[in-house]
């Protein structure tokens, strides 16, 4: 989840398009891969595909949580009679 949050801060434009989210996921996975590669050079550590898989699962869980949060926020604003801000 920390990797996802880091990548989300890189692309802080909250738009409805899917392309920025794909970019955030790719940045997160790339960061996780870089960390795994660096671990090869640290004594006592090793590159493990399992860790990269867990990074991917965490990224997908965080993406799902954000989708639910944004959906709930939009629902709550509509229920309150306020229009949600439109994205450009």
N, C-alpha and C. Protein backbone atom coordinates (compact mmCIF):
# COMPACT_ATOMS: atom_id res chain seq x y z
N UNK A 1 0.81 -1.19 0.00
CA UNK A 1 0.00 0.00 0.00
C UNK A 1 0.86 1.26 0.00
N UNK A 2 2.02 1.17 0.63
CA UNK A 2 2.90 2.33 0.64
C UNK A 2 3.40 2.65 -0.77
N UNK A 3 3.66 1.62 -1.55
CA UNK A 3 4.09 1.85 -2.93
C UNK A 3 3.00 2.55 -3.72
N UNK A 4 1.76 2.14 -3.52
CA UNK A 4 0.64 2.75 -4.23
C UNK A 4 0.47 4.20 -3.83
N UNK A 5 0.59 4.48 -2.54
CA UNK A 5 0.46 5.85 -2.06
C UNK A 5 1.56 6.74 -2.62
N UNK A 6 2.76 6.20 -2.71
CA UNK A 6 3.87 6.96 -3.28
C UNK A 6 3.58 7.31 -4.75
N UNK A 7 3.15 6.33 -5.51
CA UNK A 7 2.87 6.57 -6.92
C UNK A 7 1.68 7.50 -7.10
N UNK A 8 0.69 7.40 -6.22
CA UNK A 8 -0.47 8.27 -6.31
C UNK A 8 -0.07 9.71 -6.07
N UNK A 9 0.91 9.93 -5.21
CA UNK A 9 1.36 11.30 -4.97
C UNK A 9 2.10 11.86 -6.17
N UNK A 10 2.69 10.98 -7.00
CA UNK A 10 3.35 11.42 -8.21
C UNK A 10 2.32 11.91 -9.22
N UNK A 11 1.18 11.22 -9.28
CA UNK A 11 0.12 11.60 -10.21
C UNK A 11 -1.10 12.01 -9.39
N UNK A 12 -1.09 13.23 -8.89
CA UNK A 12 -2.14 13.66 -7.99
C UNK A 12 -3.35 14.26 -8.69
N UNK A 13 -3.42 14.15 -10.00
CA UNK A 13 -4.60 14.63 -10.72
C UNK A 13 -5.71 13.60 -10.55
N UNK A 14 -6.73 13.92 -9.84
CA UNK A 14 -7.82 12.97 -9.59
C UNK A 14 -8.85 13.11 -10.70
N UNK A 15 -8.62 12.41 -11.77
CA UNK A 15 -9.53 12.43 -12.89
C UNK A 15 -10.17 11.07 -13.02
N UNK A 16 -11.28 11.03 -13.74
CA UNK A 16 -12.03 9.80 -13.86
C UNK A 16 -11.44 8.85 -14.89
N UNK A 17 -10.56 9.32 -15.72
CA UNK A 17 -10.01 8.48 -16.76
C UNK A 17 -9.19 7.35 -16.16
N UNK A 18 -9.15 6.22 -16.85
CA UNK A 18 -8.44 5.05 -16.35
C UNK A 18 -6.94 5.17 -16.56
N UNK A 19 -6.50 5.95 -17.52
CA UNK A 19 -5.07 6.02 -17.86
C UNK A 19 -4.21 6.47 -16.67
N UNK A 20 -4.56 7.50 -15.90
CA UNK A 20 -3.72 7.87 -14.76
C UNK A 20 -3.62 6.74 -13.73
N UNK A 21 -4.68 5.98 -13.54
CA UNK A 21 -4.63 4.89 -12.58
C UNK A 21 -3.71 3.78 -13.05
N UNK A 22 -3.71 3.53 -14.36
CA UNK A 22 -2.79 2.53 -14.91
C UNK A 22 -1.36 3.00 -14.69
N UNK A 23 -1.12 4.30 -14.88
CA UNK A 23 0.21 4.85 -14.65
C UNK A 23 0.63 4.70 -13.19
N UNK A 24 -0.27 4.92 -12.28
CA UNK A 24 0.03 4.78 -10.86
C UNK A 24 0.38 3.33 -10.53
N UNK A 25 -0.38 2.39 -11.07
CA UNK A 25 -0.11 0.97 -10.83
C UNK A 25 1.25 0.59 -11.40
N UNK A 26 1.56 1.05 -12.62
CA UNK A 26 2.84 0.72 -13.24
C UNK A 26 4.02 1.34 -12.47
N UNK A 27 3.85 2.56 -12.01
CA UNK A 27 4.90 3.20 -11.21
C UNK A 27 5.12 2.42 -9.92
N UNK A 28 4.03 2.01 -9.28
CA UNK A 28 4.13 1.24 -8.04
C UNK A 28 4.85 -0.08 -8.26
N UNK A 29 4.47 -0.80 -9.31
CA UNK A 29 5.12 -2.08 -9.59
C UNK A 29 6.58 -1.88 -9.97
N UNK A 30 6.87 -0.83 -10.72
CA UNK A 30 8.26 -0.54 -11.09
C UNK A 30 9.11 -0.24 -9.87
N UNK A 31 8.54 0.49 -8.92
CA UNK A 31 9.26 0.81 -7.68
C UNK A 31 9.51 -0.47 -6.88
N UNK A 32 8.51 -1.32 -6.81
CA UNK A 32 8.67 -2.59 -6.09
C UNK A 32 9.72 -3.47 -6.75
N UNK A 33 9.73 -3.49 -8.09
CA UNK A 33 10.73 -4.27 -8.83
C UNK A 33 12.13 -3.71 -8.57
N UNK A 34 12.26 -2.39 -8.57
CA UNK A 34 13.56 -1.78 -8.31
C UNK A 34 14.07 -2.16 -6.91
N UNK A 35 13.18 -2.15 -5.93
CA UNK A 35 13.58 -2.54 -4.58
C UNK A 35 14.02 -4.00 -4.52
N UNK A 36 13.33 -4.85 -5.25
CA UNK A 36 13.71 -6.27 -5.28
C UNK A 36 15.08 -6.46 -5.93
N UNK A 37 15.35 -5.71 -6.99
CA UNK A 37 16.65 -5.81 -7.66
C UNK A 37 17.76 -5.31 -6.74
N UNK A 38 17.51 -4.22 -6.04
CA UNK A 38 18.51 -3.67 -5.10
C UNK A 38 18.81 -4.67 -3.99
N UNK A 39 17.81 -5.46 -3.59
CA UNK A 39 18.02 -6.42 -2.52
C UNK A 39 19.04 -7.49 -2.90
N UNK A 40 19.23 -7.74 -4.20
CA UNK A 40 20.25 -8.71 -4.64
C UNK A 40 21.64 -8.31 -4.19
N UNK A 41 21.88 -7.02 -4.01
CA UNK A 41 23.21 -6.52 -3.68
C UNK A 41 23.40 -6.30 -2.18
N UNK A 42 22.40 -6.62 -1.39
CA UNK A 42 22.48 -6.47 0.06
C UNK A 42 22.68 -7.85 0.68
N UNK A 43 23.75 -8.02 1.46
CA UNK A 43 24.00 -9.33 2.09
C UNK A 43 22.81 -9.77 2.95
N UNK A 44 22.44 -11.01 2.78
CA UNK A 44 21.33 -11.56 3.55
C UNK A 44 19.97 -11.33 2.94
N UNK A 45 19.91 -10.60 1.85
CA UNK A 45 18.64 -10.33 1.17
C UNK A 45 18.69 -10.95 -0.22
N UNK A 46 17.54 -11.19 -0.82
CA UNK A 46 17.48 -11.79 -2.15
C UNK A 46 16.27 -11.30 -2.91
N UNK A 47 16.35 -11.36 -4.22
CA UNK A 47 15.23 -11.04 -5.09
C UNK A 47 14.21 -12.18 -4.98
N UNK A 48 12.96 -11.85 -4.71
CA UNK A 48 11.92 -12.87 -4.62
C UNK A 48 10.69 -12.42 -5.39
N UNK A 49 10.26 -13.26 -6.32
CA UNK A 49 9.05 -12.95 -7.08
C UNK A 49 7.82 -12.90 -6.17
N UNK A 50 7.87 -13.67 -5.09
CA UNK A 50 6.75 -13.67 -4.14
C UNK A 50 6.53 -12.27 -3.56
N UNK A 51 7.60 -11.58 -3.22
CA UNK A 51 7.47 -10.21 -2.70
C UNK A 51 6.86 -9.28 -3.74
N UNK A 52 7.27 -9.45 -4.99
CA UNK A 52 6.71 -8.64 -6.07
C UNK A 52 5.22 -8.94 -6.25
N UNK A 53 4.84 -10.21 -6.10
CA UNK A 53 3.43 -10.59 -6.18
C UNK A 53 2.64 -9.94 -5.04
N UNK A 54 3.20 -9.95 -3.84
CA UNK A 54 2.52 -9.32 -2.71
C UNK A 54 2.40 -7.81 -2.92
N UNK A 55 3.41 -7.20 -3.52
CA UNK A 55 3.32 -5.77 -3.85
C UNK A 55 2.13 -5.53 -4.79
N UNK A 56 2.01 -6.38 -5.80
CA UNK A 56 0.91 -6.25 -6.76
C UNK A 56 -0.46 -6.42 -6.10
N UNK A 57 -0.57 -7.38 -5.20
CA UNK A 57 -1.83 -7.59 -4.49
C UNK A 57 -2.16 -6.37 -3.63
N UNK A 58 -1.16 -5.83 -2.94
CA UNK A 58 -1.38 -4.63 -2.13
C UNK A 58 -1.81 -3.44 -2.97
N UNK A 59 -1.23 -3.31 -4.15
CA UNK A 59 -1.59 -2.21 -5.05
C UNK A 59 -3.05 -2.36 -5.50
N UNK A 60 -3.45 -3.58 -5.85
CA UNK A 60 -4.83 -3.81 -6.28
C UNK A 60 -5.83 -3.59 -5.14
N UNK A 61 -5.46 -4.00 -3.92
CA UNK A 61 -6.34 -3.77 -2.77
C UNK A 61 -6.51 -2.27 -2.54
N UNK A 62 -5.41 -1.53 -2.61
CA UNK A 62 -5.48 -0.08 -2.41
C UNK A 62 -6.29 0.59 -3.52
N UNK A 63 -6.12 0.15 -4.74
CA UNK A 63 -6.90 0.70 -5.86
C UNK A 63 -8.38 0.45 -5.63
N UNK A 64 -8.73 -0.76 -5.21
CA UNK A 64 -10.13 -1.06 -4.92
C UNK A 64 -10.68 -0.21 -3.79
N UNK A 65 -9.88 0.00 -2.76
CA UNK A 65 -10.31 0.84 -1.64
C UNK A 65 -10.55 2.28 -2.08
N UNK A 66 -9.68 2.78 -2.94
CA UNK A 66 -9.87 4.16 -3.43
C UNK A 66 -11.09 4.29 -4.32
N UNK A 67 -11.34 3.28 -5.15
CA UNK A 67 -12.54 3.30 -5.99
C UNK A 67 -13.79 3.33 -5.10
N UNK A 68 -13.81 2.50 -4.07
CA UNK A 68 -14.95 2.50 -3.14
C UNK A 68 -15.08 3.83 -2.42
N UNK A 69 -13.96 4.40 -1.99
CA UNK A 69 -13.99 5.68 -1.29
C UNK A 69 -14.53 6.79 -2.19
N UNK A 70 -14.04 6.86 -3.42
CA UNK A 70 -14.51 7.90 -4.34
C UNK A 70 -15.98 7.70 -4.69
N UNK A 71 -16.41 6.45 -4.83
CA UNK A 71 -17.82 6.17 -5.11
C UNK A 71 -18.69 6.59 -3.93
N UNK A 72 -18.24 6.25 -2.73
CA UNK A 72 -19.01 6.62 -1.54
C UNK A 72 -19.07 8.14 -1.40
N UNK A 73 -17.96 8.81 -1.67
CA UNK A 73 -17.92 10.27 -1.56
C UNK A 73 -18.90 10.90 -2.53
N UNK A 74 -18.93 10.40 -3.76
CA UNK A 74 -19.86 10.92 -4.76
C UNK A 74 -21.30 10.67 -4.32
N UNK A 75 -21.58 9.48 -3.80
CA UNK A 75 -22.92 9.15 -3.31
C UNK A 75 -23.33 10.06 -2.16
N UNK A 76 -22.41 10.29 -1.21
CA UNK A 76 -22.70 11.12 -0.05
C UNK A 76 -22.98 12.56 -0.48
N UNK A 77 -22.23 13.06 -1.45
CA UNK A 77 -22.46 14.43 -1.92
C UNK A 77 -23.81 14.55 -2.62
N UNK A 78 -24.16 13.54 -3.40
CA UNK A 78 -25.47 13.58 -4.07
C UNK A 78 -26.60 13.50 -3.05
N UNK A 79 -26.44 12.67 -2.02
CA UNK A 79 -27.47 12.53 -1.00
C UNK A 79 -27.64 13.82 -0.22
N UNK A 80 -26.56 14.58 -0.08
CA UNK A 80 -26.62 15.86 0.63
C UNK A 80 -27.13 16.98 -0.25
N UNK A 81 -27.34 16.69 -1.53
CA UNK A 81 -27.84 17.71 -2.45
C UNK A 81 -26.74 18.57 -3.04
N UNK A 82 -25.51 18.16 -2.89
CA UNK A 82 -24.37 18.90 -3.43
C UNK A 82 -23.82 18.13 -4.62
N UNK A 83 -23.55 18.83 -5.68
CA UNK A 83 -22.96 18.16 -6.85
C UNK A 83 -21.47 17.93 -6.61
N UNK A 84 -20.99 16.73 -6.93
CA UNK A 84 -19.56 16.48 -6.78
C UNK A 84 -18.77 17.30 -7.79
N UNK A 85 -17.55 17.70 -7.47
CA UNK A 85 -16.75 18.47 -8.42
C UNK A 85 -16.47 17.65 -9.67
N UNK A 86 -16.61 18.30 -10.80
CA UNK A 86 -16.34 17.58 -12.05
C UNK A 86 -14.87 17.61 -12.35
N UNK A 87 -14.38 16.53 -12.96
CA UNK A 87 -12.96 16.47 -13.33
C UNK A 87 -12.81 16.92 -14.77
N UNK A 88 -11.65 17.47 -15.06
CA UNK A 88 -11.40 17.99 -16.40
C UNK A 88 -10.78 16.95 -17.27
